[in-house]
């Protein structure tokens, strides 16, 4: 049996991939993969946010079935990783988004599963978050106006990093894939870099020195919740390619 690798990226619209003909988007590695693979140009997700979309992807069911997605992955909902493990696959999952991690019940069927989280925040931030009213402080840290006020008095605090970057996640995937195995493996990795690029406080995505693909998002895709939602969903058409390697 062939090894299976599933890579998913939060908030990546199909019209922001070079292979689909979008001018100004630089994704040469993915474009090469798409040229050598089967590219599905009308892959439609039944959900406009992560838990809905990933629930449907992993179960081939609508998110509204089996009690919906208000609670973690329902025990009686089919799960791709469970089916593959039953078929003899060794399974491993690595996610940078807790929405599709243990919090959402997505660890089911995985022999190895990791919710990848960033390093602990600085002491002052950690103390503030755990004091009474810490949730309001955490919420303020996500807003540009809060940081503008702080800069007026000479304080430049960067927002907390809620997730790890592609380099850390790819490293975990490589370490797993290079381990000796006796049978086929199913490996899943879920990236969050583009979702965080939609945050109004985040710097604009740029092409990295190591040549990794980082899509350039439109200027209107930052600044307001409505704009971020529009950039994330975009008609619910997602880039999808499959290849035999």
Protein backbone atom coordinates (compact mmCIF):
# COMPACT_ATOMS: atom_id res chain seq x y z
CA UNK A 1 0.00 0.00 0.00
CA UNK A 2 1.13 3.54 -0.74
CA UNK A 3 1.95 6.08 1.96
CA UNK A 4 -0.62 8.87 2.18
CA UNK A 5 0.25 12.49 3.03
CA UNK A 6 -2.49 15.08 3.56
CA UNK A 7 -1.46 18.74 3.86
CA UNK A 8 -4.14 21.33 4.64
CA UNK A 9 -3.78 25.10 4.92
CA UNK A 10 -6.18 27.34 6.83
CA UNK A 11 -7.81 30.18 4.87
CA UNK A 12 -6.30 29.51 1.44
CA UNK A 13 -8.68 30.50 -1.34
CA UNK A 14 -8.50 28.71 -4.67
CA UNK A 15 -8.10 32.00 -6.55
CA UNK A 16 -4.89 32.76 -4.64
CA UNK A 17 -2.73 30.03 -6.11
CA UNK A 18 -0.47 30.52 -9.09
CA UNK A 19 -1.65 27.26 -10.67
CA UNK A 20 -5.17 28.65 -10.99
CA UNK A 21 -3.92 31.58 -13.03
CA UNK A 22 -3.98 34.31 -10.41
CA UNK A 23 -1.60 37.09 -11.45
CA UNK A 24 0.86 38.24 -8.78
CA UNK A 25 0.68 35.14 -6.57
CA UNK A 26 4.07 33.46 -6.22
CA UNK A 27 3.69 29.75 -5.38
CA UNK A 28 6.20 27.95 -7.66
CA UNK A 29 6.52 24.74 -5.62
CA UNK A 30 2.78 24.21 -5.39
CA UNK A 31 2.39 25.16 -9.04
CA UNK A 32 4.91 22.47 -9.99
CA UNK A 33 3.06 19.94 -7.86
CA UNK A 34 -0.23 20.93 -9.47
CA UNK A 35 1.27 20.56 -12.95
CA UNK A 36 2.44 17.02 -12.16
CA UNK A 37 -0.69 16.06 -10.22
CA UNK A 38 -4.43 16.03 -10.66
CA UNK A 39 -5.67 19.56 -9.95
CA UNK A 40 -9.29 19.86 -8.86
CA UNK A 41 -10.43 23.32 -9.91
CA UNK A 42 -13.93 23.05 -8.45
CA UNK A 43 -13.24 21.63 -5.00
CA UNK A 44 -16.01 23.07 -2.82
CA UNK A 45 -15.91 23.01 0.96
CA UNK A 46 -19.29 22.68 2.71
CA UNK A 47 -18.10 24.96 5.50
CA UNK A 48 -16.70 28.47 5.58
CA UNK A 49 -14.65 28.05 8.75
CA UNK A 50 -12.12 25.52 9.96
CA UNK A 51 -14.15 23.15 12.12
CA UNK A 52 -16.94 22.81 9.56
CA UNK A 53 -14.56 22.30 6.65
CA UNK A 54 -12.21 19.88 8.39
CA UNK A 55 -15.06 17.85 9.87
CA UNK A 56 -16.44 17.34 6.36
CA UNK A 57 -13.00 16.55 4.93
CA UNK A 58 -12.18 13.89 7.52
CA UNK A 59 -15.61 12.26 7.66
CA UNK A 60 -17.18 12.76 4.20
CA UNK A 61 -20.29 13.97 6.02
CA UNK A 62 -21.96 17.34 6.41
CA UNK A 63 -20.93 19.18 9.56
CA UNK A 64 -24.60 19.53 10.53
CA UNK A 65 -24.94 15.73 10.84
CA UNK A 66 -24.17 13.65 13.95
CA UNK A 67 -25.20 16.44 16.31
CA UNK A 68 -23.33 19.25 14.55
CA UNK A 69 -19.94 20.69 15.51
CA UNK A 70 -20.77 22.68 18.66
CA UNK A 71 -19.14 19.79 20.56
CA UNK A 72 -16.00 17.80 19.68
CA UNK A 73 -15.99 15.27 16.85
CA UNK A 74 -18.92 12.92 17.52
CA UNK A 75 -17.96 9.36 18.45
CA UNK A 76 -20.31 7.85 15.86
CA UNK A 77 -19.16 10.11 13.01
CA UNK A 78 -16.85 8.29 10.54
CA UNK A 79 -13.19 9.34 10.76
CA UNK A 80 -10.66 8.93 7.94
CA UNK A 81 -7.74 8.22 10.26
CA UNK A 82 -9.67 5.45 12.04
CA UNK A 83 -10.57 3.77 8.75
CA UNK A 84 -6.97 3.91 7.54
CA UNK A 85 -5.59 2.59 10.83
CA UNK A 86 -8.05 -0.30 10.65
CA UNK A 87 -6.74 -0.98 7.13
CA UNK A 88 -3.17 -1.34 8.41
CA UNK A 89 -1.83 2.22 8.20
CA UNK A 90 0.28 3.83 10.90
CA UNK A 91 -1.27 7.25 11.42
CA UNK A 92 0.15 10.60 12.54
CA UNK A 93 -1.39 14.07 12.71
CA UNK A 94 0.20 17.47 13.36
CA UNK A 95 -1.92 20.60 13.56
CA UNK A 96 -1.13 24.24 14.24
CA UNK A 97 -4.81 25.06 14.79
CA UNK A 98 -6.42 23.88 18.06
CA UNK A 99 -9.84 24.08 16.39
CA UNK A 100 -8.94 20.92 14.49
CA UNK A 101 -6.85 19.45 17.29
CA UNK A 102 -7.63 17.60 20.50
CA UNK A 103 -9.96 20.42 21.49
CA UNK A 104 -12.18 19.47 18.56
CA UNK A 105 -11.73 15.71 18.91
CA UNK A 106 -9.59 15.36 15.78
CA UNK A 107 -7.02 13.11 17.46
CA UNK A 108 -9.29 10.10 16.89
CA UNK A 109 -7.66 7.33 14.91
CA UNK A 110 -4.13 8.74 15.11
CA UNK A 111 -1.33 6.67 16.62
CA UNK A 112 0.69 9.87 16.98
CA UNK A 113 -1.00 13.26 17.33
CA UNK A 114 0.44 16.67 18.19
CA UNK A 115 -1.21 20.03 18.85
CA UNK A 116 1.73 22.27 17.99
CA UNK A 117 1.80 25.34 20.21
CA UNK A 118 4.28 28.24 20.33
CA UNK A 119 6.79 28.74 23.14
CA UNK A 120 5.48 30.10 26.44
CA UNK A 121 4.87 33.88 26.42
CA UNK A 122 7.13 36.27 28.36
CA UNK A 123 6.62 36.34 32.13
CA UNK A 124 4.73 39.65 32.20
CA UNK A 125 2.25 38.48 29.60
CA UNK A 126 1.74 35.13 31.28
CA UNK A 127 1.12 36.79 34.66
CA UNK A 128 -1.31 39.30 33.16
CA UNK A 129 -3.27 36.57 31.36
CA UNK A 130 -3.70 34.56 34.57
CA UNK A 131 -4.81 37.45 36.74
CA UNK A 132 -8.42 38.40 37.22
CA UNK A 133 -9.64 39.96 34.01
CA UNK A 134 -6.88 38.26 32.01
CA UNK A 135 -9.30 37.29 29.25
CA UNK A 136 -9.97 40.98 28.57
CA UNK A 137 -6.24 41.66 28.39
CA UNK A 138 -5.81 38.78 25.94
CA UNK A 139 -8.63 40.15 23.82
CA UNK A 140 -7.11 43.64 23.83
CA UNK A 141 -3.79 42.23 22.61
CA UNK A 142 -5.48 41.17 19.37
CA UNK A 143 -6.60 44.71 18.48
CA UNK A 144 -4.48 47.27 16.67
CA UNK A 145 -5.96 50.19 18.66
CA UNK A 146 -4.57 48.76 21.92
CA UNK A 147 -1.04 48.65 20.54
CA UNK A 148 -1.37 52.15 19.10
CA UNK A 149 -2.27 53.46 22.57
CA UNK A 150 0.73 51.69 24.09
CA UNK A 151 3.07 53.11 21.46
CA UNK A 152 1.93 56.63 22.39
CA UNK A 153 3.64 56.12 25.76
CA UNK A 154 6.68 54.39 24.27
CA UNK A 155 5.65 50.77 24.82
CA UNK A 156 5.92 48.38 21.88
CA UNK A 157 4.43 45.01 22.82
CA UNK A 158 3.98 42.47 20.09
CA UNK A 159 0.80 40.39 20.15
CA UNK A 160 0.97 36.84 21.48
CA UNK A 161 1.74 34.17 18.90
CA UNK A 162 -1.29 31.85 18.99
CA UNK A 163 0.22 29.25 16.66
CA UNK A 164 3.48 27.89 15.30
CA UNK A 165 4.78 28.67 11.83
CA UNK A 166 5.27 26.46 8.81
CA UNK A 167 8.93 25.74 9.57
CA UNK A 168 8.12 24.16 12.94
CA UNK A 169 5.23 22.13 11.57
CA UNK A 170 7.19 20.95 8.53
CA UNK A 171 10.05 19.94 10.83
CA UNK A 172 7.69 17.77 12.88
CA UNK A 173 6.37 16.19 9.69
CA UNK A 174 9.87 15.46 8.38
CA UNK A 175 10.94 13.91 11.69
CA UNK A 176 7.92 11.62 11.59
CA UNK A 177 8.27 10.68 7.92
CA UNK A 178 11.97 9.83 8.33
CA UNK A 179 11.31 7.36 11.15
CA UNK A 180 11.72 3.67 10.25
CA UNK A 181 8.39 1.93 9.71
CA UNK A 182 7.29 -1.57 8.82
CA UNK A 183 4.12 -0.66 6.93
CA UNK A 184 2.30 2.17 5.13
CA UNK A 185 1.63 5.47 6.87
CA UNK A 186 -0.98 8.20 6.75
CA UNK A 187 0.42 11.58 7.74
CA UNK A 188 -1.57 14.81 8.12
CA UNK A 189 -0.26 18.34 8.65
CA UNK A 190 -2.43 21.45 9.08
CA UNK A 191 -0.85 24.91 8.59
CA UNK A 192 -2.04 28.24 10.01
CA UNK A 193 0.36 30.79 8.49
CA UNK A 194 -2.11 32.33 6.04
CA UNK A 195 -4.84 32.58 8.67
CA UNK A 196 -2.50 34.61 10.89
CA UNK A 197 -1.48 36.76 7.91
CA UNK A 198 -5.08 37.99 7.80
CA UNK A 199 -4.68 39.49 11.27
CA UNK A 200 -4.49 43.32 10.97
CA UNK A 201 -1.43 43.35 13.26
CA UNK A 202 0.52 40.82 11.22
CA UNK A 203 3.15 41.99 8.71
CA UNK A 204 2.26 41.40 5.05
CA UNK A 205 3.34 37.92 3.88
CA UNK A 206 6.55 37.92 1.90
CA UNK A 207 8.49 35.30 -0.01
CA UNK A 208 10.87 33.68 2.44
CA UNK A 209 14.60 33.35 1.84
CA UNK A 210 14.40 29.55 1.90
CA UNK A 211 12.12 29.63 -1.14
CA UNK A 212 8.99 28.45 0.67
CA UNK A 213 5.67 29.45 -0.86
CA UNK A 214 3.89 32.32 0.87
CA UNK A 215 0.88 33.66 -1.01
CA UNK A 216 0.46 37.43 -1.13
CA UNK A 217 -3.00 38.35 0.07
CA UNK A 218 -4.86 41.43 -1.21
CA UNK A 219 -4.66 44.65 0.78
CA UNK A 220 -8.39 44.56 1.43
CA UNK A 221 -8.02 41.22 3.22
CA UNK A 222 -6.91 42.83 6.47
CA UNK A 223 -8.30 45.33 8.92
CA UNK A 224 -11.88 44.27 9.57
CA UNK A 225 -13.56 41.06 10.62
CA UNK A 226 -15.81 41.20 7.55
CA UNK A 227 -12.83 41.58 5.21
CA UNK A 228 -10.96 38.74 6.90
CA UNK A 229 -14.00 36.48 6.62
CA UNK A 230 -14.37 37.37 2.93
CA UNK A 231 -10.71 36.62 2.27
CA UNK A 232 -10.88 33.36 4.18
CA UNK A 233 -14.03 31.96 2.59
CA UNK A 234 -14.12 33.48 -0.88
CA UNK A 235 -17.03 31.47 -2.23
CA UNK A 236 -15.84 28.34 -0.39
CA UNK A 237 -13.75 27.14 -3.38
CA UNK A 238 -10.49 25.60 -2.19
CA UNK A 239 -7.25 24.62 -3.93
CA UNK A 240 -6.93 20.82 -4.11
CA UNK A 241 -4.31 18.67 -5.82
CA UNK A 242 -3.55 14.96 -5.57
CA UNK A 243 -0.44 13.14 -6.82
CA UNK A 244 1.25 9.76 -6.76
CA UNK A 245 4.90 10.10 -5.72
